[in-house]
Amino acid sequence: MKPMQYRKLADEVTDILRTMILTGELRSERTTQDELAKLLQVSTTPVRESLLRLAAEGFVQIQPNRSFKLLPITRNDIRDIYWIHATLAGELTARACEIADNSILDVLEKQESLFLEYRQASDTAGMEKANWQFHATINKTAESPKLLMMLLSSLRYIPDGFYALVKGWSSLSEQGHIDIIEAFRLHDPNKAREAAKSHVFEAGELLIDYFSSTGYWTSPSA
């Protein structure tokens, strides 16, 4: 039982630190495991494991004396992440469109209606949940577990609640969902692929604009 509890804590610390880095909350170029453990009110053990994971993901660089250095995230990094995400999402959406019957339309339309209800209520958490359910339906229908695994891996760079910060995301998502549903209605996998890819690419550009407005970029070459 204890190893399971420890693993869960290490996972939570990793998610928290990744989010802090991506949102700019953690901006010190160099800090230590002890300082982070004190900040998060945990022991240094899960912090150390979390930093090793984040180093493997390219967020930090481990330094001597239990310290670490934040690695800069550039505009090109964000574009690369969204290119990967868009390519995988597009392929999954095309495959789902190719094999799905018309029953998926009812599900997608209900999920989109729920998204719009949350949008009207200015419930950003609800919108993100409905958006996730919309795409999860498509991804599951594609019956391509290895592609889905890679897609989910790319999502670690997009923390929960991130899109609530981005102006224009809700209207962008609404139009993207409409385009995808129309492609499914036409049974057109190529149209579905392009609609999904455009949907993701445009979200990435919105995120870059948001980062620019907050002074997020720290690298002179960003």
C-alpha atoms as a PDB file:
ATOM      1  CA  MET A   1       0.000   0.000   0.000  1.00  0.00           C
ATOM      2  CA  LYS A   2       2.756   2.485   0.849  1.00  0.00           C
ATOM      3  CA  PRO A   3       4.460   2.220  -2.572  1.00  0.00           C
ATOM      4  CA  MET A   4       1.110   2.938  -4.218  1.00  0.00           C
ATOM      5  CA  GLN A   5       0.579   5.998  -2.030  1.00  0.00           C
ATOM      6  CA  TYR A   6       4.106   7.198  -2.751  1.00  0.00           C
ATOM      7  CA  ARG A   7       3.640   6.702  -6.496  1.00  0.00           C
ATOM      8  CA  LYS A   8       0.425   8.699  -6.389  1.00  0.00           C
ATOM      9  CA  LEU A   9       2.147  11.565  -4.566  1.00  0.00           C
ATOM     10  CA  ALA A  10       5.014  11.592  -7.066  1.00  0.00           C
ATOM     11  CA  ASP A  11       2.486  11.728  -9.920  1.00  0.00           C
ATOM     12  CA  GLU A  12       0.664  14.638  -8.300  1.00  0.00           C
ATOM     13  CA  VAL A  13       3.881  16.558  -7.665  1.00  0.00           C
ATOM     14  CA  THR A  14       4.939  16.018 -11.286  1.00  0.00           C
ATOM     15  CA  ASP A  15       1.614  17.356 -12.564  1.00  0.00           C
ATOM     16  CA  ILE A  16       1.786  20.373 -10.254  1.00  0.00           C
ATOM     17  CA  LEU A  17       5.353  21.281 -11.186  1.00  0.00           C
ATOM     18  CA  ARG A  18       4.700  20.790 -14.913  1.00  0.00           C
ATOM     19  CA  THR A  19       1.687  23.100 -14.705  1.00  0.00           C
ATOM     20  CA  MET A  20       3.659  25.704 -12.740  1.00  0.00           C
ATOM     21  CA  ILE A  21       6.365  25.686 -15.398  1.00  0.00           C
ATOM     22  CA  LEU A  22       3.965  25.861 -18.337  1.00  0.00           C
ATOM     23  CA  THR A  23       1.881  28.663 -16.846  1.00  0.00           C
ATOM     24  CA  GLY A  24       4.924  30.661 -15.800  1.00  0.00           C
ATOM     25  CA  GLU A  25       4.188  30.368 -12.087  1.00  0.00           C
ATOM     26  CA  LEU A  26       7.580  28.748 -11.580  1.00  0.00           C
ATOM     27  CA  ARG A  27      10.007  31.107 -13.272  1.00  0.00           C
ATOM     28  CA  SER A  28      13.215  30.958 -11.227  1.00  0.00           C
ATOM     29  CA  GLU A  29      15.886  29.726 -13.605  1.00  0.00           C
ATOM     30  CA  ARG A  30      17.581  27.735 -10.839  1.00  0.00           C
ATOM     31  CA  THR A  31      16.200  26.350  -7.582  1.00  0.00           C
ATOM     32  CA  THR A  32      16.643  23.287  -5.375  1.00  0.00           C
ATOM     33  CA  GLN A  33      14.713  20.181  -4.421  1.00  0.00           C
ATOM     34  CA  ASP A  34      14.556  21.419  -0.824  1.00  0.00           C
ATOM     35  CA  GLU A  35      13.022  24.742  -1.869  1.00  0.00           C
ATOM     36  CA  LEU A  36      10.389  23.002  -3.972  1.00  0.00           C
ATOM     37  CA  ALA A  37       9.600  20.492  -1.241  1.00  0.00           C
ATOM     38  CA  LYS A  38       9.039  23.366   1.181  1.00  0.00           C
ATOM     39  CA  LEU A  39       6.867  25.202  -1.355  1.00  0.00           C
ATOM     40  CA  LEU A  40       4.679  22.145  -1.977  1.00  0.00           C
ATOM     41  CA  GLN A  41       4.797  20.968   1.645  1.00  0.00           C
ATOM     42  CA  VAL A  42       6.027  17.480   0.791  1.00  0.00           C
ATOM     43  CA  SER A  43       9.243  15.557   1.356  1.00  0.00           C
ATOM     44  CA  THR A  44      12.132  15.804  -1.094  1.00  0.00           C
ATOM     45  CA  THR A  45      11.676  12.197  -2.279  1.00  0.00           C
ATOM     46  CA  PRO A  46       8.637  12.747  -4.550  1.00  0.00           C
ATOM     47  CA  VAL A  47      10.116  16.077  -5.661  1.00  0.00           C
ATOM     48  CA  ARG A  48      13.326  14.356  -6.730  1.00  0.00           C
ATOM     49  CA  GLU A  49      11.430  11.721  -8.731  1.00  0.00           C
ATOM     50  CA  SER A  50       9.241  14.408 -10.287  1.00  0.00           C
ATOM     51  CA  LEU A  51      12.264  16.405 -11.405  1.00  0.00           C
ATOM     52  CA  LEU A  52      13.764  13.294 -13.002  1.00  0.00           C
ATOM     53  CA  ARG A  53      10.528  12.794 -14.951  1.00  0.00           C
ATOM     54  CA  LEU A  54      10.406  16.447 -15.975  1.00  0.00           C
ATOM     55  CA  ALA A  55      14.036  16.236 -17.088  1.00  0.00           C
ATOM     56  CA  ALA A  56      13.100  13.307 -19.342  1.00  0.00           C
ATOM     57  CA  GLU A  57      10.255  15.422 -20.763  1.00  0.00           C
ATOM     58  CA  GLY A  58      12.616  18.313 -21.511  1.00  0.00           C
ATOM     59  CA  PHE A  59      11.327  20.797 -18.943  1.00  0.00           C
ATOM     60  CA  VAL A  60      14.298  20.889 -16.574  1.00  0.00           C
ATOM     61  CA  GLN A  61      17.981  20.058 -16.413  1.00  0.00           C
ATOM     62  CA  ILE A  62      19.322  18.399 -13.284  1.00  0.00           C
ATOM     63  CA  GLN A  63      22.260  20.271 -11.730  1.00  0.00           C
ATOM     64  CA  PRO A  64      24.784  19.372  -8.971  1.00  0.00           C
ATOM     65  CA  ASN A  65      23.925  19.913  -5.292  1.00  0.00           C
ATOM     66  CA  ARG A  66      20.260  18.863  -5.572  1.00  0.00           C
ATOM     67  CA  SER A  67      19.428  21.844  -7.777  1.00  0.00           C
ATOM     68  CA  PHE A  68      17.911  22.076 -11.227  1.00  0.00           C
ATOM     69  CA  LYS A  69      17.625  24.551 -14.078  1.00  0.00           C
ATOM     70  CA  LEU A  70      14.449  25.360 -15.974  1.00  0.00           C
ATOM     71  CA  LEU A  71      14.849  24.901 -19.713  1.00  0.00           C
ATOM     72  CA  PRO A  72      13.262  27.614 -21.879  1.00  0.00           C
ATOM     73  CA  ILE A  73      10.099  26.886 -23.831  1.00  0.00           C
ATOM     74  CA  THR A  74      10.001  28.730 -27.160  1.00  0.00           C
ATOM     75  CA  ARG A  75       7.309  29.542 -29.683  1.00  0.00           C
ATOM     76  CA  ASN A  76       8.703  26.812 -31.907  1.00  0.00           C
ATOM     77  CA  ASP A  77       8.425  24.333 -29.038  1.00  0.00           C
ATOM     78  CA  ILE A  78       4.717  25.091 -28.716  1.00  0.00           C
ATOM     79  CA  ARG A  79       4.219  24.848 -32.475  1.00  0.00           C
ATOM     80  CA  ASP A  80       6.052  21.510 -32.518  1.00  0.00           C
ATOM     81  CA  ILE A  81       3.888  20.160 -29.708  1.00  0.00           C
ATOM     82  CA  TYR A  82       0.706  21.231 -31.480  1.00  0.00           C
ATOM     83  CA  TRP A  83       1.962  19.874 -34.805  1.00  0.00           C
ATOM     84  CA  ILE A  84       2.360  16.461 -33.189  1.00  0.00           C
ATOM     85  CA  HIS A  85      -1.012  16.758 -31.470  1.00  0.00           C
ATOM     86  CA  ALA A  86      -2.764  17.964 -34.632  1.00  0.00           C
ATOM     87  CA  THR A  87      -1.261  15.223 -36.789  1.00  0.00           C
ATOM     88  CA  LEU A  88      -2.317  12.476 -34.378  1.00  0.00           C
ATOM     89  CA  ALA A  89      -5.746  14.008 -33.730  1.00  0.00           C
ATOM     90  CA  GLY A  90      -6.342  14.387 -37.451  1.00  0.00           C
ATOM     91  CA  GLU A  91      -5.500  10.769 -38.186  1.00  0.00           C
ATOM     92  CA  LEU A  92      -7.634   9.458 -35.322  1.00  0.00           C
ATOM     93  CA  THR A  93     -10.554  11.601 -36.447  1.00  0.00           C
ATOM     94  CA  ALA A  94     -10.226  10.405 -40.044  1.00  0.00           C
ATOM     95  CA  ARG A  95     -10.153   6.762 -38.949  1.00  0.00           C
ATOM     96  CA  ALA A  96     -13.179   7.252 -36.720  1.00  0.00           C
ATOM     97  CA  CYS A  97     -15.075   8.928 -39.557  1.00  0.00           C
ATOM     98  CA  GLU A  98     -14.238   6.054 -41.884  1.00  0.00           C
ATOM     99  CA  ILE A  99     -15.580   3.297 -39.638  1.00  0.00           C
ATOM    100  CA  ALA A 100     -18.340   5.047 -37.637  1.00  0.00           C
ATOM    101  CA  ASP A 101     -22.031   4.744 -38.419  1.00  0.00           C
ATOM    102  CA  ASN A 102     -24.555   7.555 -38.050  1.00  0.00           C
ATOM    103  CA  SER A 103     -25.128   6.800 -34.358  1.00  0.00           C
ATOM    104  CA  ILE A 104     -21.963   8.719 -33.497  1.00  0.00           C
ATOM    105  CA  LEU A 105     -23.582  11.908 -34.770  1.00  0.00           C
ATOM    106  CA  ASP A 106     -26.179  11.839 -31.998  1.00  0.00           C
ATOM    107  CA  VAL A 107     -23.458  11.439 -29.388  1.00  0.00           C
ATOM    108  CA  LEU A 108     -21.265  14.209 -30.788  1.00  0.00           C
ATOM    109  CA  GLU A 109     -24.182  16.606 -31.194  1.00  0.00           C
ATOM    110  CA  LYS A 110     -25.295  16.022 -27.602  1.00  0.00           C
ATOM    111  CA  GLN A 111     -21.782  16.619 -26.345  1.00  0.00           C
ATOM    112  CA  GLU A 112     -21.520  19.791 -28.411  1.00  0.00           C
ATOM    113  CA  SER A 113     -24.855  20.992 -27.028  1.00  0.00           C
ATOM    114  CA  LEU A 114     -23.506  20.432 -23.536  1.00  0.00           C
ATOM    115  CA  PHE A 115     -20.380  22.397 -24.458  1.00  0.00           C
ATOM    116  CA  LEU A 116     -22.555  25.302 -25.605  1.00  0.00           C
ATOM    117  CA  GLU A 117     -24.600  25.207 -22.399  1.00  0.00           C
ATOM    118  CA  TYR A 118     -21.422  25.488 -20.346  1.00  0.00           C
ATOM    119  CA  ARG A 119     -20.201  28.274 -22.600  1.00  0.00           C
ATOM    120  CA  GLN A 120     -23.399  30.246 -22.124  1.00  0.00           C
ATOM    121  CA  ALA A 121     -23.013  29.824 -18.371  1.00  0.00           C
ATOM    122  CA  SER A 122     -19.338  30.928 -18.575  1.00  0.00           C
ATOM    123  CA  ASP A 123     -18.375  27.622 -16.977  1.00  0.00           C
ATOM    124  CA  THR A 124     -14.849  27.109 -18.310  1.00  0.00           C
ATOM    125  CA  ALA A 125     -14.266  23.889 -16.370  1.00  0.00           C
ATOM    126  CA  GLY A 126     -17.483  22.490 -17.823  1.00  0.00           C
ATOM    127  CA  MET A 127     -16.444  23.558 -21.320  1.00  0.00           C
ATOM    128  CA  GLU A 128     -13.096  21.831 -21.023  1.00  0.00           C
ATOM    129  CA  LYS A 129     -14.762  18.657 -19.745  1.00  0.00           C
ATOM    130  CA  ALA A 130     -17.322  18.661 -22.576  1.00  0.00           C
ATOM    131  CA  ASN A 131     -14.579  19.344 -25.114  1.00  0.00           C
ATOM    132  CA  TRP A 132     -12.570  16.426 -23.765  1.00  0.00           C
ATOM    133  CA  GLN A 133     -15.607  14.133 -23.963  1.00  0.00           C
ATOM    134  CA  PHE A 134     -16.291  15.205 -27.559  1.00  0.00           C
ATOM    135  CA  HIS A 135     -12.797  14.276 -28.705  1.00  0.00           C
ATOM    136  CA  ALA A 136     -12.626  11.183 -26.475  1.00  0.00           C
ATOM    137  CA  THR A 137     -15.685   9.801 -28.267  1.00  0.00           C
ATOM    138  CA  ILE A 138     -13.958  10.236 -31.612  1.00  0.00           C
ATOM    139  CA  ASN A 139     -10.625   8.860 -30.415  1.00  0.00           C
ATOM    140  CA  LYS A 140     -12.220   5.744 -28.923  1.00  0.00           C
ATOM    141  CA  THR A 141     -14.203   5.153 -32.113  1.00  0.00           C
ATOM    142  CA  ALA A 142     -10.980   5.188 -34.165  1.00  0.00           C
ATOM    143  CA  GLU A 143      -9.927   1.867 -32.581  1.00  0.00           C
ATOM    144  CA  SER A 144      -6.244   2.809 -32.792  1.00  0.00           C
ATOM    145  CA  PRO A 145      -4.919   2.410 -29.220  1.00  0.00           C
ATOM    146  CA  LYS A 146      -1.261   3.013 -30.030  1.00  0.00           C
ATOM    147  CA  LEU A 147      -1.990   6.303 -31.786  1.00  0.00           C
ATOM    148  CA  LEU A 148      -4.268   7.296 -28.926  1.00  0.00           C
ATOM    149  CA  MET A 149      -1.523   6.520 -26.414  1.00  0.00           C
ATOM    150  CA  MET A 150       0.854   8.846 -28.263  1.00  0.00           C
ATOM    151  CA  LEU A 151      -1.835  11.534 -28.453  1.00  0.00           C
ATOM    152  CA  LEU A 152      -2.468  11.342 -24.717  1.00  0.00           C
ATOM    153  CA  SER A 153       1.267  11.601 -24.105  1.00  0.00           C
ATOM    154  CA  SER A 154       1.343  14.925 -25.967  1.00  0.00           C
ATOM    155  CA  LEU A 155      -1.411  16.268 -23.707  1.00  0.00           C
ATOM    156  CA  ARG A 156       0.974  16.450 -20.764  1.00  0.00           C
ATOM    157  CA  TYR A 157       2.180  19.739 -22.274  1.00  0.00           C
ATOM    158  CA  ILE A 158      -1.353  21.170 -22.049  1.00  0.00           C
ATOM    159  CA  PRO A 159      -2.380  21.251 -18.355  1.00  0.00           C
ATOM    160  CA  ASP A 160      -5.985  21.061 -17.190  1.00  0.00           C
ATOM    161  CA  GLY A 161      -7.576  24.493 -16.999  1.00  0.00           C
ATOM    162  CA  PHE A 162      -5.123  26.002 -19.469  1.00  0.00           C
ATOM    163  CA  TYR A 163      -7.671  26.932 -22.114  1.00  0.00           C
ATOM    164  CA  ALA A 164      -9.703  28.882 -19.591  1.00  0.00           C
ATOM    165  CA  LEU A 165      -6.891  31.435 -19.755  1.00  0.00           C
ATOM    166  CA  VAL A 166      -6.971  31.745 -23.532  1.00  0.00           C
ATOM    167  CA  LYS A 167      -9.250  34.373 -25.053  1.00  0.00           C
ATOM    168  CA  GLY A 168     -11.158  33.095 -28.065  1.00  0.00           C
ATOM    169  CA  TRP A 169     -10.760  29.406 -27.273  1.00  0.00           C
ATOM    170  CA  SER A 170     -14.471  28.749 -26.708  1.00  0.00           C
ATOM    171  CA  SER A 171     -15.614  30.205 -30.041  1.00  0.00           C
ATOM    172  CA  LEU A 172     -12.757  28.432 -31.813  1.00  0.00           C
ATOM    173  CA  SER A 173     -13.776  25.115 -30.271  1.00  0.00           C
ATOM    174  CA  GLU A 174     -17.412  25.620 -31.201  1.00  0.00           C
ATOM    175  CA  GLN A 175     -16.556  26.143 -34.869  1.00  0.00           C
ATOM    176  CA  GLY A 176     -14.060  23.284 -34.856  1.00  0.00           C
ATOM    177  CA  HIS A 177     -16.662  20.902 -33.466  1.00  0.00           C
ATOM    178  CA  ILE A 178     -19.201  22.020 -36.073  1.00  0.00           C
ATOM    179  CA  ASP A 179     -16.716  21.331 -38.882  1.00  0.00           C
ATOM    180  CA  ILE A 180     -15.868  17.887 -37.508  1.00  0.00           C
ATOM    181  CA  ILE A 181     -19.528  16.930 -37.074  1.00  0.00           C
ATOM    182  CA  GLU A 182     -20.239  18.010 -40.646  1.00  0.00           C
ATOM    183  CA  ALA A 183     -17.412  15.793 -41.919  1.00  0.00           C
ATOM    184  CA  PHE A 184     -18.888  12.828 -40.040  1.00  0.00           C
ATOM    185  CA  ARG A 185     -22.308  13.618 -41.478  1.00  0.00           C
ATOM    186  CA  LEU A 186     -20.793  13.496 -44.969  1.00  0.00           C
ATOM    187  CA  HIS A 187     -18.753  10.356 -44.161  1.00  0.00           C
ATOM    188  CA  ASP A 188     -15.699  12.222 -45.468  1.00  0.00           C
ATOM    189  CA  PRO A 189     -12.509  11.051 -43.635  1.00  0.00           C
ATOM    190  CA  ASN A 190     -10.259  13.561 -45.419  1.00  0.00           C
ATOM    191  CA  LYS A 191     -12.508  16.447 -44.466  1.00  0.00           C
ATOM    192  CA  ALA A 192     -12.613  15.121 -40.892  1.00  0.00           C
ATOM    193  CA  ARG A 193      -8.818  14.910 -40.766  1.00  0.00           C
ATOM    194  CA  GLU A 194      -8.349  18.485 -41.975  1.00  0.00           C
ATOM    195  CA  ALA A 195     -11.059  19.834 -39.665  1.00  0.00           C
ATOM    196  CA  ALA A 196      -9.434  18.219 -36.632  1.00  0.00           C
ATOM    197  CA  LYS A 197      -5.937  19.346 -37.610  1.00  0.00           C
ATOM    198  CA  SER A 198      -7.055  22.940 -38.168  1.00  0.00           C
ATOM    199  CA  HIS A 199      -8.917  22.862 -34.863  1.00  0.00           C
ATOM    200  CA  VAL A 200      -5.739  21.911 -32.988  1.00  0.00           C
ATOM    201  CA  PHE A 201      -3.364  24.181 -34.944  1.00  0.00           C
ATOM    202  CA  GLU A 202      -5.556  27.223 -34.286  1.00  0.00           C
ATOM    203  CA  ALA A 203      -5.688  26.419 -30.571  1.00  0.00           C
ATOM    204  CA  GLY A 204      -1.889  26.322 -30.555  1.00  0.00           C
ATOM    205  CA  GLU A 205      -1.649  29.749 -32.143  1.00  0.00           C
ATOM    206  CA  LEU A 206      -4.090  31.138 -29.574  1.00  0.00           C
ATOM    207  CA  LEU A 207      -1.886  29.731 -26.846  1.00  0.00           C
ATOM    208  CA  ILE A 208       1.205  31.348 -28.352  1.00  0.00           C
ATOM    209  CA  ASP A 209      -0.630  34.691 -28.486  1.00  0.00           C
ATOM    210  CA  TYR A 210      -1.587  34.279 -24.839  1.00  0.00           C
ATOM    211  CA  PHE A 211       1.979  33.507 -23.812  1.00  0.00           C
ATOM    212  CA  SER A 212       3.208  36.527 -25.764  1.00  0.00           C
ATOM    213  CA  SER A 213       0.727  38.808 -23.989  1.00  0.00           C
ATOM    214  CA  THR A 214       1.925  37.637 -20.563  1.00  0.00           C
ATOM    215  CA  GLY A 215       5.644  37.988 -21.286  1.00  0.00           C
ATOM    216  CA  TYR A 216       6.125  34.264 -20.920  1.00  0.00           C
ATOM    217  CA  TRP A 217       8.989  33.853 -23.376  1.00  0.00           C
ATOM    218  CA  THR A 218      12.308  33.991 -21.603  1.00  0.00           C
ATOM    219  CA  SER A 219      14.698  32.841 -24.298  1.00  0.00           C
ATOM    220  CA  PRO A 220      16.184  35.579 -26.553  1.00  0.00           C
ATOM    221  CA  SER A 221      15.792  33.186 -29.484  1.00  0.00           C
ATOM    222  CA  ALA A 222      12.142  32.367 -28.686  1.00  0.00           C
END
